[in-house]
């Protein structure tokens, strides 16, 4: 009997993998409590000749309407101003934002303006998906780059046709969340996982079981219901739950960016024993143009002159004083002679990286190798290429 107990303890220690814990507020959100996207159309003025061409139509119409609202009637008149740019303004209204609070606004040109440097956004209403106005944006545009140029040259950095107005939008309408009257709520994981949702349910019942009853719905959601005898309200319980430490589990994922050569692998990535050989074949072709120039005052070719053959290229040169152009082509081939190397089963991600680095591959080569190992069925992980 004692031997059986010892074997069970040994097997439990073998298959139990220590994970890491995170606060509930960092891995889950409350259903219905979310940010909302806002959008609006406006004008940026005060540009130094880098605005839209008024001929595009919508900028001219917008400028005319704006002046009309200011008491200046410009309908049917030709407007020639390159200091104005039509823009789309976007913002994110956070949950629980109150009337009068400030949020950032993103300004992006939709015309042919070359730069919004030095411009000021005029008052622009920002609407939600329901068409109601939730904020109003206005203020100077801050760019993360610049763009200047003339007729034959220009200089620039980053995108000069988009910028940000820090705290440039005032909230005019707030969203109501009556959490104090709720007796139940649903917690949604940011990264759905059955193991994590099970851990979350267990932790909530263990730490706050005398106040609430948590039940696992699926890999994404956990329902939390207050007990009838609980004197606290939901707001107080949320403040207690959000700081609970929950063990987090995740799928084995390898994320690769082919543009930058960046590779990120999680701790759960496993690799079976596999033989890897990787080498690069490079071919270099170099062409030189050779010119055969006769000496000064060389006599012109005569009818009886015999042709001359170029020793290196074998080209038949015309006799006498003609200038002849020939091409010299050199082809070189170089191939890396990497041996086949056996990569053993990796217990940890450090072992996998260490084994692959032993082959001497670059990050871009590693992307190709990981794709090939996955195709061979030796990589137990999901590949995501971004």
Protein backbone atom coordinates (compact mmCIF):
# COMPACT_ATOMS: atom_id res chain seq x y z
CA UNK A 1 0.00 0.00 0.00
CA UNK A 2 2.82 2.35 0.87
CA UNK A 3 4.52 1.57 -2.43
CA UNK A 4 1.34 2.44 -4.36
CA UNK A 5 1.03 5.79 -2.54
CA UNK A 6 4.65 6.63 -3.31
CA UNK A 7 4.11 5.80 -6.99
CA UNK A 8 1.03 8.05 -7.16
CA UNK A 9 2.95 10.92 -5.57
CA UNK A 10 5.82 10.41 -8.04
CA UNK A 11 3.51 10.36 -11.04
CA UNK A 12 1.68 13.45 -9.78
CA UNK A 13 4.95 15.32 -9.52
CA UNK A 14 5.92 14.14 -13.00
CA UNK A 15 2.77 15.36 -14.77
CA UNK A 16 2.18 18.52 -12.73
CA UNK A 17 3.89 21.40 -14.42
CA UNK A 18 4.35 24.54 -12.36
CA UNK A 19 2.82 27.54 -14.07
CA UNK A 20 2.64 31.25 -13.28
CA UNK A 21 -0.12 33.27 -11.70
CA UNK A 22 -1.58 36.64 -12.64
CA UNK A 23 -4.15 38.96 -11.15
CA UNK A 24 -7.70 38.38 -12.25
CA UNK A 25 -7.96 41.98 -13.52
CA UNK A 26 -5.06 41.31 -15.93
CA UNK A 27 -6.47 38.15 -17.52
CA UNK A 28 -10.24 38.73 -17.57
CA UNK A 29 -12.84 41.43 -18.11
CA UNK A 30 -16.42 41.91 -16.97
CA UNK A 31 -19.02 41.12 -19.61
CA UNK A 32 -20.68 44.32 -20.86
CA UNK A 33 -17.99 46.62 -19.46
CA UNK A 34 -15.88 47.65 -22.45
CA UNK A 35 -14.46 50.52 -24.47
CA UNK A 36 -16.40 52.11 -27.33
CA UNK A 37 -15.06 53.42 -30.64
CA UNK A 38 -15.83 56.98 -31.76
CA UNK A 39 -15.36 58.60 -35.18
CA UNK A 40 -15.85 62.02 -36.76
CA UNK A 41 -15.01 64.10 -39.81
CA UNK A 42 -13.25 67.44 -39.44
CA UNK A 43 -10.85 70.01 -40.82
CA UNK A 44 -7.27 70.83 -39.85
CA UNK A 45 -6.31 74.45 -40.53
CA UNK A 46 -3.12 76.48 -40.19
CA UNK A 47 -0.93 74.30 -42.42
CA UNK A 48 2.08 75.83 -44.18
CA UNK A 49 1.01 75.03 -47.72
CA UNK A 50 0.95 71.27 -47.09
CA UNK A 51 -2.83 70.85 -47.08
CA UNK A 52 -5.27 69.34 -49.58
CA UNK A 53 -5.76 70.43 -53.12
CA UNK A 54 -9.17 72.13 -52.97
CA UNK A 55 -9.98 70.60 -56.35
CA UNK A 56 -10.64 67.24 -54.70
CA UNK A 57 -14.18 68.39 -53.95
CA UNK A 58 -14.98 67.26 -50.42
CA UNK A 59 -12.37 69.56 -48.82
CA UNK A 60 -13.76 72.55 -50.72
CA UNK A 61 -17.32 71.64 -49.72
CA UNK A 62 -16.33 71.14 -46.07
CA UNK A 63 -14.48 74.47 -45.97
CA UNK A 64 -17.47 76.25 -47.51
CA UNK A 65 -19.85 74.70 -44.97
CA UNK A 66 -17.56 75.59 -42.08
CA UNK A 67 -17.36 79.24 -43.19
CA UNK A 68 -21.14 79.31 -43.66
CA UNK A 69 -21.64 78.23 -40.03
CA UNK A 70 -19.45 81.15 -39.05
CA UNK A 71 -21.66 83.59 -40.96
CA UNK A 72 -19.57 83.76 -44.14
CA UNK A 73 -21.47 82.69 -47.24
CA UNK A 74 -19.07 81.06 -49.75
CA UNK A 75 -21.39 78.76 -51.69
CA UNK A 76 -20.60 78.66 -55.41
CA UNK A 77 -17.32 80.55 -55.00
CA UNK A 78 -13.89 79.20 -55.89
CA UNK A 79 -11.77 78.50 -52.82
CA UNK A 80 -8.01 78.23 -53.27
CA UNK A 81 -6.39 77.43 -49.95
CA UNK A 82 -3.71 74.81 -49.40
CA UNK A 83 -3.58 75.44 -45.65
CA UNK A 84 -6.59 73.20 -44.95
CA UNK A 85 -6.79 69.39 -44.80
CA UNK A 86 -9.80 67.11 -44.46
CA UNK A 87 -9.27 64.50 -41.75
CA UNK A 88 -10.98 61.63 -39.98
CA UNK A 89 -10.85 61.82 -36.20
CA UNK A 90 -11.06 58.67 -34.08
CA UNK A 91 -11.06 58.12 -30.33
CA UNK A 92 -11.73 55.38 -27.78
CA UNK A 93 -14.28 56.09 -25.07
CA UNK A 94 -13.23 54.04 -22.03
CA UNK A 95 -15.71 52.42 -19.69
CA UNK A 96 -16.87 54.61 -16.79
CA UNK A 97 -15.65 57.82 -18.51
CA UNK A 98 -17.56 60.74 -17.04
CA UNK A 99 -18.88 63.90 -18.69
CA UNK A 100 -16.14 66.51 -18.89
CA UNK A 101 -13.25 64.01 -18.77
CA UNK A 102 -10.61 64.18 -21.50
CA UNK A 103 -9.46 61.46 -23.90
CA UNK A 104 -6.92 61.34 -26.72
CA UNK A 105 -7.95 61.77 -30.35
CA UNK A 106 -6.23 60.41 -33.48
CA UNK A 107 -6.25 62.64 -36.58
CA UNK A 108 -5.65 61.09 -40.03
CA UNK A 109 -5.67 62.83 -43.40
CA UNK A 110 -8.09 61.47 -46.03
CA UNK A 111 -7.08 63.85 -48.83
CA UNK A 112 -3.78 64.58 -50.55
CA UNK A 113 -2.24 66.67 -47.78
CA UNK A 114 1.49 66.05 -47.48
CA UNK A 115 1.81 67.02 -43.81
CA UNK A 116 -0.34 68.06 -40.86
CA UNK A 117 2.61 69.74 -39.15
CA UNK A 118 1.58 72.87 -37.26
CA UNK A 119 -2.14 72.34 -37.92
CA UNK A 120 -5.07 72.78 -35.55
CA UNK A 121 -8.17 70.61 -35.61
CA UNK A 122 -11.42 72.56 -35.57
CA UNK A 123 -14.27 71.46 -33.32
CA UNK A 124 -15.27 67.97 -34.50
CA UNK A 125 -18.16 65.94 -33.02
CA UNK A 126 -17.27 62.28 -32.41
CA UNK A 127 -20.11 59.77 -32.80
CA UNK A 128 -20.57 56.21 -31.68
CA UNK A 129 -22.04 53.25 -33.55
CA UNK A 130 -25.56 54.42 -32.61
CA UNK A 131 -25.02 57.82 -34.26
CA UNK A 132 -25.09 59.77 -30.97
CA UNK A 133 -22.38 62.32 -30.15
CA UNK A 134 -20.26 61.17 -27.20
CA UNK A 135 -17.28 63.55 -27.42
CA UNK A 136 -16.02 66.69 -29.17
CA UNK A 137 -12.40 67.03 -30.32
CA UNK A 138 -10.39 70.19 -30.97
CA UNK A 139 -6.81 71.34 -30.59
CA UNK A 140 -3.29 71.35 -32.07
CA UNK A 141 -2.11 68.20 -33.83
CA UNK A 142 1.10 66.57 -32.59
CA UNK A 143 2.99 64.51 -35.17
CA UNK A 144 5.48 61.71 -34.71
CA UNK A 145 7.38 62.74 -37.84
CA UNK A 146 7.85 65.42 -40.46
CA UNK A 147 7.79 65.88 -44.21
CA UNK A 148 9.35 68.80 -46.07
CA UNK A 149 10.40 69.17 -49.66
CA UNK A 150 10.73 71.28 -52.75
CA UNK A 151 10.49 70.81 -56.48
CA UNK A 152 13.37 68.32 -56.80
CA UNK A 153 14.03 66.91 -53.33
CA UNK A 154 12.26 66.17 -50.07
CA UNK A 155 12.97 64.87 -46.59
CA UNK A 156 10.69 63.08 -44.18
CA UNK A 157 10.46 60.85 -41.13
CA UNK A 158 7.63 58.50 -40.15
CA UNK A 159 4.08 59.44 -41.19
CA UNK A 160 3.39 63.16 -41.35
CA UNK A 161 -0.22 62.73 -42.50
CA UNK A 162 -1.45 61.37 -39.15
CA UNK A 163 -1.11 62.73 -35.63
CA UNK A 164 -2.55 62.78 -32.14
CA UNK A 165 -4.26 65.37 -29.96
CA UNK A 166 -3.40 64.49 -26.37
CA UNK A 167 -6.45 65.03 -24.13
CA UNK A 168 -7.99 66.80 -27.10
CA UNK A 169 -11.50 65.32 -26.87
CA UNK A 170 -14.01 66.19 -24.17
CA UNK A 171 -16.58 63.56 -23.19
CA UNK A 172 -20.08 64.96 -23.65
CA UNK A 173 -22.10 61.81 -22.87
CA UNK A 174 -21.24 58.97 -20.52
CA UNK A 175 -22.26 55.34 -20.54
CA UNK A 176 -24.23 54.12 -17.54
CA UNK A 177 -23.18 50.92 -15.77
CA UNK A 178 -25.46 50.01 -12.87
CA UNK A 179 -23.20 47.40 -11.32
CA UNK A 180 -24.38 48.15 -7.79
CA UNK A 181 -27.80 46.61 -8.51
CA UNK A 182 -26.47 43.40 -10.08
CA UNK A 183 -26.55 40.08 -8.26
CA UNK A 184 -24.49 38.20 -10.86
CA UNK A 185 -21.92 38.89 -13.56
CA UNK A 186 -19.82 37.05 -16.12
CA UNK A 187 -16.02 37.15 -16.26
CA UNK A 188 -14.57 36.74 -19.77
CA UNK A 189 -10.98 35.61 -20.22
CA UNK A 190 -8.84 37.68 -22.56
CA UNK A 191 -7.30 34.44 -23.87
CA UNK A 192 -9.84 31.59 -23.68
CA UNK A 193 -8.54 28.40 -22.12
CA UNK A 194 -10.37 25.60 -20.31
CA UNK A 195 -7.60 25.13 -17.74
CA UNK A 196 -7.41 28.82 -16.89
CA UNK A 197 -11.18 29.20 -16.57
CA UNK A 198 -11.22 26.15 -14.28
CA UNK A 199 -8.46 27.67 -12.14
CA UNK A 200 -10.33 30.97 -12.00
CA UNK A 201 -13.51 29.24 -10.81
CA UNK A 202 -11.61 27.34 -8.13
CA UNK A 203 -9.78 30.43 -6.83
CA UNK A 204 -12.95 32.56 -6.60
CA UNK A 205 -14.84 29.82 -4.74
CA UNK A 206 -11.90 29.19 -2.43
CA UNK A 207 -11.18 32.82 -1.53
CA UNK A 208 -14.69 34.34 -1.70
CA UNK A 209 -16.90 31.28 -1.35
CA UNK A 210 -18.85 32.72 1.56
CA UNK A 211 -19.90 35.69 -0.58
CA UNK A 212 -20.31 34.29 -4.12
CA UNK A 213 -20.76 31.07 -6.06
CA UNK A 214 -18.61 30.80 -9.23
CA UNK A 215 -19.35 28.29 -11.99
CA UNK A 216 -17.41 27.58 -15.17
CA UNK A 217 -19.45 28.24 -18.33
CA UNK A 218 -16.87 27.36 -20.99
CA UNK A 219 -13.27 28.11 -21.94
CA UNK A 220 -14.11 31.80 -22.24
CA UNK A 221 -16.50 32.64 -19.40
CA UNK A 222 -17.03 32.11 -15.68
CA UNK A 223 -20.33 33.09 -14.06
CA UNK A 224 -20.20 34.63 -10.59
CA UNK A 225 -23.44 34.88 -8.55
CA UNK A 226 -23.79 36.55 -5.17
CA UNK A 227 -25.28 34.61 -2.30
CA UNK A 228 -28.62 35.82 -0.98
CA UNK A 229 -27.23 36.39 2.52
CA UNK A 230 -24.32 38.49 1.30
CA UNK A 231 -24.56 42.04 2.71
CA UNK A 232 -22.02 43.48 0.24
CA UNK A 233 -22.85 44.84 -3.21
CA UNK A 234 -21.29 43.82 -6.49
CA UNK A 235 -18.91 46.79 -6.61
CA UNK A 236 -17.28 45.71 -3.35
CA UNK A 237 -16.97 42.13 -4.53
CA UNK A 238 -15.38 43.19 -7.80
CA UNK A 239 -12.71 45.10 -5.87
CA UNK A 240 -11.95 41.90 -3.94
CA UNK A 241 -11.99 39.58 -6.95
CA UNK A 242 -9.81 41.62 -9.30
CA UNK A 243 -6.72 41.21 -7.11
CA UNK A 244 -6.96 37.44 -6.75
CA UNK A 245 -3.96 35.50 -8.08
CA UNK A 246 -5.10 32.96 -10.71
CA UNK A 247 -2.86 30.24 -12.23
CA UNK A 248 -2.68 30.87 -15.98
CA UNK A 249 -2.26 28.22 -18.63
CA UNK A 250 -1.92 28.72 -22.38
CA UNK A 251 -1.48 26.82 -25.61
CA UNK A 252 1.94 26.23 -27.13
CA UNK A 253 2.36 28.99 -29.71
CA UNK A 254 5.27 30.16 -31.86
CA UNK A 255 4.78 33.66 -33.30
CA UNK A 256 7.00 34.61 -36.24
CA UNK A 257 7.35 37.90 -38.11
CA UNK A 258 8.92 37.30 -41.50
CA UNK A 259 9.33 41.03 -42.14
CA UNK A 260 11.58 41.68 -39.14
CA UNK A 261 12.83 38.15 -38.42
CA UNK A 262 11.34 38.24 -34.91
CA UNK A 263 10.43 34.92 -33.26
CA UNK A 264 8.61 34.56 -29.91
CA UNK A 265 8.01 31.12 -28.40
CA UNK A 266 6.04 30.28 -25.27
CA UNK A 267 7.26 28.02 -22.48
CA UNK A 268 4.94 25.20 -23.52
CA UNK A 269 6.58 24.65 -26.92
CA UNK A 270 7.86 21.09 -27.29
CA UNK A 271 9.85 19.50 -30.09
CA UNK A 272 10.36 15.83 -30.89
CA UNK A 273 13.68 14.31 -31.90
CA UNK A 274 14.41 15.47 -35.43
CA UNK A 275 17.42 15.73 -37.76
CA UNK A 276 18.01 19.17 -39.25
CA UNK A 277 20.31 20.25 -42.08
CA UNK A 278 20.22 23.82 -43.26
CA UNK A 279 22.53 25.52 -45.73
CA UNK A 280 22.45 28.55 -47.97
CA UNK A 281 23.30 28.58 -51.66
CA UNK A 282 24.54 31.92 -52.96
CA UNK A 283 25.25 32.71 -56.60
CA UNK A 284 27.10 35.89 -57.53
CA UNK A 285 27.26 37.14 -61.10
CA UNK A 286 29.58 40.03 -61.88
CA UNK A 287 29.80 41.71 -65.24
CA UNK A 288 32.48 44.18 -66.30
CA UNK A 289 32.51 46.27 -69.45
CA UNK A 290 35.86 46.37 -71.24
CA UNK A 291 36.70 49.10 -73.73
CA UNK A 292 39.45 48.67 -76.27
CA UNK A 293 40.63 52.17 -77.12
CA UNK A 294 43.24 52.64 -79.90
CA UNK A 295 46.28 54.79 -79.35
CA UNK A 296 46.18 58.41 -80.50
CA UNK A 297 46.79 58.97 -84.19
CA UNK A 298 46.27 55.27 -84.96
CA UNK A 299 45.78 54.70 -88.66
CA UNK A 300 42.31 53.70 -89.76
CA UNK A 301 41.81 50.07 -90.79
CA UNK A 302 42.73 49.15 -94.32
CA UNK A 303 41.30 46.56 -96.58
CA UNK A 304 44.13 44.09 -96.09
CA UNK A 305 44.41 44.22 -92.25
CA UNK A 306 43.79 40.95 -90.43
CA UNK A 307 41.42 40.83 -87.42
CA UNK A 308 42.80 40.76 -83.86
CA UNK A 309 41.41 38.36 -81.20
CA UNK A 310 41.00 39.43 -77.55
CA UNK A 311 42.99 37.01 -75.37
CA UNK A 312 40.64 37.08 -72.33
CA UNK A 313 37.17 37.21 -73.82
CA UNK A 314 37.92 35.67 -77.21
CA UNK A 315 36.11 38.53 -78.97
CA UNK A 316 37.20 39.31 -82.52
CA UNK A 317 38.32 42.92 -82.58
CA UNK A 318 38.21 45.02 -85.67
CA UNK A 319 41.62 45.86 -87.12
CA UNK A 320 43.00 49.33 -87.02
CA UNK A 321 41.85 52.24 -84.89
CA UNK A 322 38.24 51.35 -84.02
CA UNK A 323 37.00 51.58 -80.39
CA UNK A 324 35.50 48.21 -79.36
CA UNK A 325 33.33 47.54 -76.22
CA UNK A 326 33.32 43.98 -74.79
CA UNK A 327 31.70 42.36 -71.71
CA UNK A 328 33.51 40.22 -69.16
CA UNK A 329 31.23 37.95 -67.04
CA UNK A 330 32.35 36.07 -63.90
CA UNK A 331 30.02 33.62 -62.14
CA UNK A 332 30.74 32.44 -58.58
CA UNK A 333 28.83 29.82 -56.62
CA UNK A 334 29.19 29.32 -52.84
CA UNK A 335 27.29 26.74 -50.80
CA UNK A 336 27.45 26.29 -47.03
CA UNK A 337 28.46 22.77 -46.07
CA UNK A 338 26.40 22.34 -42.91
CA UNK A 339 26.21 18.83 -41.59
CA UNK A 340 23.03 17.05 -40.56
CA UNK A 341 22.50 17.60 -36.83
CA UNK A 342 20.12 15.72 -34.55
CA UNK A 343 18.03 17.97 -32.31
CA UNK A 344 16.86 15.95 -29.31
CA UNK A 345 13.49 16.29 -27.60
CA UNK A 346 13.37 19.65 -25.83
CA UNK A 347 12.10 19.55 -22.25
CA UNK A 348 12.10 23.34 -22.03
CA UNK A 349 12.11 26.16 -24.56
CA UNK A 350 15.71 26.93 -23.56
CA UNK A 351 16.76 23.48 -24.74
CA UNK A 352 14.98 23.98 -28.07
CA UNK A 353 16.61 27.36 -28.71
CA UNK A 354 20.02 26.11 -27.57
CA UNK A 355 19.86 23.13 -29.92
CA UNK A 356 18.81 25.22 -32.92
CA UNK A 357 21.42 27.89 -32.19
CA UNK A 358 24.06 25.15 -32.19
CA UNK A 359 23.43 24.73 -35.92
CA UNK A 360 24.37 28.39 -36.39
CA UNK A 361 21.15 29.64 -37.94
CA UNK A 362 19.93 33.22 -38.10
CA UNK A 363 16.43 34.27 -36.96
CA UNK A 364 15.19 34.33 -40.56
CA UNK A 365 16.62 30.85 -41.15
CA UNK A 366 15.00 29.72 -37.91
CA UNK A 367 11.59 30.73 -39.28
CA UNK A 368 12.06 28.39 -42.25
CA UNK A 369 13.34 25.61 -40.02
CA UNK A 370 10.40 25.90 -37.62
CA UNK A 371 7.94 25.76 -40.53
CA UNK A 372 9.66 22.66 -41.88
CA UNK A 373 9.74 20.95 -38.47
CA UNK A 374 6.03 21.71 -38.05
CA UNK A 375 5.32 20.18 -41.47
CA UNK A 376 7.23 17.08 -40.38
CA UNK A 377 4.97 16.76 -37.32
CA UNK A 378 7.83 17.14 -34.83
CA UNK A 379 6.75 20.52 -33.41
CA UNK A 380 3.91 20.41 -30.89
CA UNK A 381 2.90 24.06 -31.13
CA UNK A 382 0.75 26.40 -33.18
CA UNK A 383 2.61 28.54 -35.73
CA UNK A 384 1.40 32.11 -36.18
CA UNK A 385 2.99 34.15 -38.95
CA UNK A 386 2.34 37.89 -38.77
